[in-house]
Amino acid sequence: QVQLVESGGGLVQPGGSLRLSCAASGSISSPNIMGWYRQAPGKERELVAVITTGGHANYADSVKGRCTISRDNVKNTVFLEMNSLKTDDTAVYYCHAAPYYSGARYWGQGTQVTVSS
């Protein structure tokens, strides 16, 4: 049974930075894609950034240039470095993992990020 556990959320002022971490317990078949989604109040869940086992990353236009996603394949951990945070970045951030060759999809419980002065 795979579980994803996020950490690193919190309250930050506009222009500040946060680093989110997500650690997977259990084995996720490789190759796989891991990443971050977010959901703001009253809005649908949206992709923030994803990264493949090989290190190829994709970002939402809204965070390009401000966020960097990285991963440690040995530890099955994915990170999201967020800089120049805006109030629009306020949301619950969810970690996601999906092996390429199975229908399995894993979600974390979410971590709250609040950007406010």
C-alpha atoms as a PDB file:
ATOM      1  CA  GLN A   1       0.000   0.000   0.000  1.00  0.00           C
ATOM      2  CA  VAL A   2       1.486   3.306  -1.095  1.00  0.00           C
ATOM      3  CA  GLN A   3       0.973   6.390   1.033  1.00  0.00           C
ATOM      4  CA  LEU A   4       2.075   9.905   0.157  1.00  0.00           C
ATOM      5  CA  VAL A   5       2.805  12.269   3.032  1.00  0.00           C
ATOM      6  CA  GLU A   6       3.231  15.985   2.348  1.00  0.00           C
ATOM      7  CA  SER A   7       4.951  18.526   4.554  1.00  0.00           C
ATOM      8  CA  GLY A   8       6.166  22.091   4.364  1.00  0.00           C
ATOM      9  CA  GLY A   9       2.970  24.064   3.958  1.00  0.00           C
ATOM     10  CA  GLY A  10       2.154  27.083   6.044  1.00  0.00           C
ATOM     11  CA  LEU A  11       1.516  30.802   6.123  1.00  0.00           C
ATOM     12  CA  VAL A  12       3.833  33.060   4.170  1.00  0.00           C
ATOM     13  CA  GLN A  13       3.760  36.696   3.131  1.00  0.00           C
ATOM     14  CA  PRO A  14       3.489  37.699  -0.528  1.00  0.00           C
ATOM     15  CA  GLY A  15       6.889  37.501  -2.139  1.00  0.00           C
ATOM     16  CA  GLY A  16       8.022  34.811   0.257  1.00  0.00           C
ATOM     17  CA  SER A  17       9.126  31.233  -0.325  1.00  0.00           C
ATOM     18  CA  LEU A  18       8.121  27.755   0.757  1.00  0.00           C
ATOM     19  CA  ARG A  19       9.452  24.277   0.095  1.00  0.00           C
ATOM     20  CA  LEU A  20       6.993  21.403  -0.019  1.00  0.00           C
ATOM     21  CA  SER A  21       8.075  17.808   0.396  1.00  0.00           C
ATOM     22  CA  CYS A  22       6.254  14.568  -0.326  1.00  0.00           C
ATOM     23  CA  ALA A  23       7.547  11.209   0.784  1.00  0.00           C
ATOM     24  CA  ALA A  24       6.111   7.978  -0.528  1.00  0.00           C
ATOM     25  CA  SER A  25       5.966   4.935   1.699  1.00  0.00           C
ATOM     26  CA  GLY A  26       5.767   1.651  -0.104  1.00  0.00           C
ATOM     27  CA  SER A  27       6.966   0.940  -3.613  1.00  0.00           C
ATOM     28  CA  ILE A  28       5.800   2.864  -6.656  1.00  0.00           C
ATOM     29  CA  SER A  29       6.422   1.047  -9.909  1.00  0.00           C
ATOM     30  CA  SER A  30       8.989   2.682 -12.135  1.00  0.00           C
ATOM     31  CA  PRO A  31       8.941   4.527 -14.416  1.00  0.00           C
ATOM     32  CA  ASN A  32       6.456   6.879 -12.860  1.00  0.00           C
ATOM     33  CA  ILE A  33       5.470  10.502 -12.652  1.00  0.00           C
ATOM     34  CA  MET A  34       5.188  12.413  -9.402  1.00  0.00           C
ATOM     35  CA  GLY A  35       4.016  15.909  -8.856  1.00  0.00           C
ATOM     36  CA  TRP A  36       1.897  18.541  -7.223  1.00  0.00           C
ATOM     37  CA  TYR A  37      -1.651  19.715  -7.745  1.00  0.00           C
ATOM     38  CA  ARG A  38      -3.527  22.384  -5.854  1.00  0.00           C
ATOM     39  CA  GLN A  39      -7.102  23.294  -5.086  1.00  0.00           C
ATOM     40  CA  ALA A  40      -8.222  26.715  -3.980  1.00  0.00           C
ATOM     41  CA  PRO A  41     -11.610  27.294  -2.323  1.00  0.00           C
ATOM     42  CA  GLY A  42     -14.396  27.161  -4.889  1.00  0.00           C
ATOM     43  CA  LYS A  43     -12.067  26.065  -7.661  1.00  0.00           C
ATOM     44  CA  GLU A  44     -11.184  22.791  -9.326  1.00  0.00           C
ATOM     45  CA  ARG A  45      -7.981  20.938  -8.561  1.00  0.00           C
ATOM     46  CA  GLU A  46      -5.266  21.981 -10.997  1.00  0.00           C
ATOM     47  CA  LEU A  47      -1.804  20.807 -11.930  1.00  0.00           C
ATOM     48  CA  VAL A  48       1.104  22.794 -10.517  1.00  0.00           C
ATOM     49  CA  ALA A  49       4.128  20.774 -11.604  1.00  0.00           C
ATOM     50  CA  VAL A  50       5.036  17.184 -12.402  1.00  0.00           C
ATOM     51  CA  ILE A  51       8.309  15.361 -12.928  1.00  0.00           C
ATOM     52  CA  THR A  52       9.108  11.997 -14.457  1.00  0.00           C
ATOM     53  CA  THR A  53      11.466   9.370 -13.126  1.00  0.00           C
ATOM     54  CA  GLY A  54      13.947  10.593 -15.717  1.00  0.00           C
ATOM     55  CA  GLY A  55      13.762  14.165 -14.444  1.00  0.00           C
ATOM     56  CA  HIS A  56      11.623  15.747 -17.154  1.00  0.00           C
ATOM     57  CA  ALA A  57       9.447  18.447 -15.583  1.00  0.00           C
ATOM     58  CA  ASN A  58       6.346  20.321 -16.650  1.00  0.00           C
ATOM     59  CA  TYR A  59       4.857  23.363 -14.978  1.00  0.00           C
ATOM     60  CA  ALA A  60       1.594  25.225 -15.063  1.00  0.00           C
ATOM     61  CA  ASP A  61       1.969  28.581 -16.787  1.00  0.00           C
ATOM     62  CA  SER A  62       0.926  30.301 -13.579  1.00  0.00           C
ATOM     63  CA  VAL A  63       4.001  29.058 -11.703  1.00  0.00           C
ATOM     64  CA  LYS A  64       6.667  28.937 -14.420  1.00  0.00           C
ATOM     65  CA  GLY A  65       9.758  30.806 -13.351  1.00  0.00           C
ATOM     66  CA  ARG A  66       8.666  30.835  -9.711  1.00  0.00           C
ATOM     67  CA  CYS A  67       8.592  27.134  -8.849  1.00  0.00           C
ATOM     68  CA  THR A  68      11.053  24.290  -9.198  1.00  0.00           C
ATOM     69  CA  ILE A  69      10.122  20.648  -8.869  1.00  0.00           C
ATOM     70  CA  SER A  70      12.704  17.993  -8.077  1.00  0.00           C
ATOM     71  CA  ARG A  71      12.768  14.405  -6.892  1.00  0.00           C
ATOM     72  CA  ASP A  72      14.899  11.792  -5.218  1.00  0.00           C
ATOM     73  CA  ASN A  73      14.203   8.480  -6.940  1.00  0.00           C
ATOM     74  CA  VAL A  74      16.022   6.465  -4.294  1.00  0.00           C
ATOM     75  CA  LYS A  75      13.885   7.877  -1.490  1.00  0.00           C
ATOM     76  CA  ASN A  76      10.694   8.188  -3.580  1.00  0.00           C
ATOM     77  CA  THR A  77      10.431  11.812  -2.564  1.00  0.00           C
ATOM     78  CA  VAL A  78       9.350  14.838  -4.565  1.00  0.00           C
ATOM     79  CA  PHE A  79       9.907  18.483  -3.685  1.00  0.00           C
ATOM     80  CA  LEU A  80       8.385  21.770  -4.790  1.00  0.00           C
ATOM     81  CA  GLU A  81      10.355  24.947  -4.227  1.00  0.00           C
ATOM     82  CA  MET A  82       8.056  27.954  -4.497  1.00  0.00           C
ATOM     83  CA  ASN A  83       9.356  31.516  -4.684  1.00  0.00           C
ATOM     84  CA  SER A  84       7.808  34.945  -5.194  1.00  0.00           C
ATOM     85  CA  LEU A  85       4.572  33.604  -3.792  1.00  0.00           C
ATOM     86  CA  LYS A  86       1.354  35.448  -4.570  1.00  0.00           C
ATOM     87  CA  THR A  87      -2.002  35.496  -2.826  1.00  0.00           C
ATOM     88  CA  ASP A  88      -3.357  33.525  -5.800  1.00  0.00           C
ATOM     89  CA  ASP A  89      -1.087  30.649  -4.781  1.00  0.00           C
ATOM     90  CA  THR A  90      -3.186  30.091  -1.672  1.00  0.00           C
ATOM     91  CA  ALA A  91      -4.584  26.559  -1.869  1.00  0.00           C
ATOM     92  CA  VAL A  92      -4.345  23.051  -0.535  1.00  0.00           C
ATOM     93  CA  TYR A  93      -1.422  21.394  -2.289  1.00  0.00           C
ATOM     94  CA  TYR A  94      -1.675  17.682  -3.035  1.00  0.00           C
ATOM     95  CA  CYS A  95       1.100  15.284  -3.897  1.00  0.00           C
ATOM     96  CA  HIS A  96       0.361  12.813  -6.677  1.00  0.00           C
ATOM     97  CA  ALA A  97       2.111   9.734  -8.021  1.00  0.00           C
ATOM     98  CA  ALA A  98       1.270   7.503 -10.959  1.00  0.00           C
ATOM     99  CA  PRO A  99       3.211   4.619 -12.458  1.00  0.00           C
ATOM    100  CA  TYR A 100       3.301   4.696 -16.247  1.00  0.00           C
ATOM    101  CA  TYR A 101       2.147   1.132 -16.801  1.00  0.00           C
ATOM    102  CA  SER A 102      -0.618   0.605 -14.297  1.00  0.00           C
ATOM    103  CA  GLY A 103      -3.891   2.288 -13.509  1.00  0.00           C
ATOM    104  CA  ALA A 104      -2.800   3.087  -9.980  1.00  0.00           C
ATOM    105  CA  ARG A 105      -3.054   6.714  -8.876  1.00  0.00           C
ATOM    106  CA  TYR A 106      -1.933   7.878  -5.456  1.00  0.00           C
ATOM    107  CA  TRP A 107      -2.784  11.105  -3.645  1.00  0.00           C
ATOM    108  CA  GLY A 108      -1.524  12.647  -0.454  1.00  0.00           C
ATOM    109  CA  GLN A 109      -3.802  14.153   2.153  1.00  0.00           C
ATOM    110  CA  GLY A 110      -2.867  17.712   1.189  1.00  0.00           C
ATOM    111  CA  THR A 111      -1.002  20.533   2.860  1.00  0.00           C
ATOM    112  CA  GLN A 112      -2.335  24.062   3.204  1.00  0.00           C
ATOM    113  CA  VAL A 113      -0.385  26.942   1.708  1.00  0.00           C
ATOM    114  CA  THR A 114      -1.646  30.406   2.621  1.00  0.00           C
ATOM    115  CA  VAL A 115      -0.096  33.522   1.135  1.00  0.00           C
ATOM    116  CA  SER A 116      -1.238  36.573   3.016  1.00  0.00           C
ATOM    117  CA  SER A 117       0.085  39.741   4.563  1.00  0.00           C
END
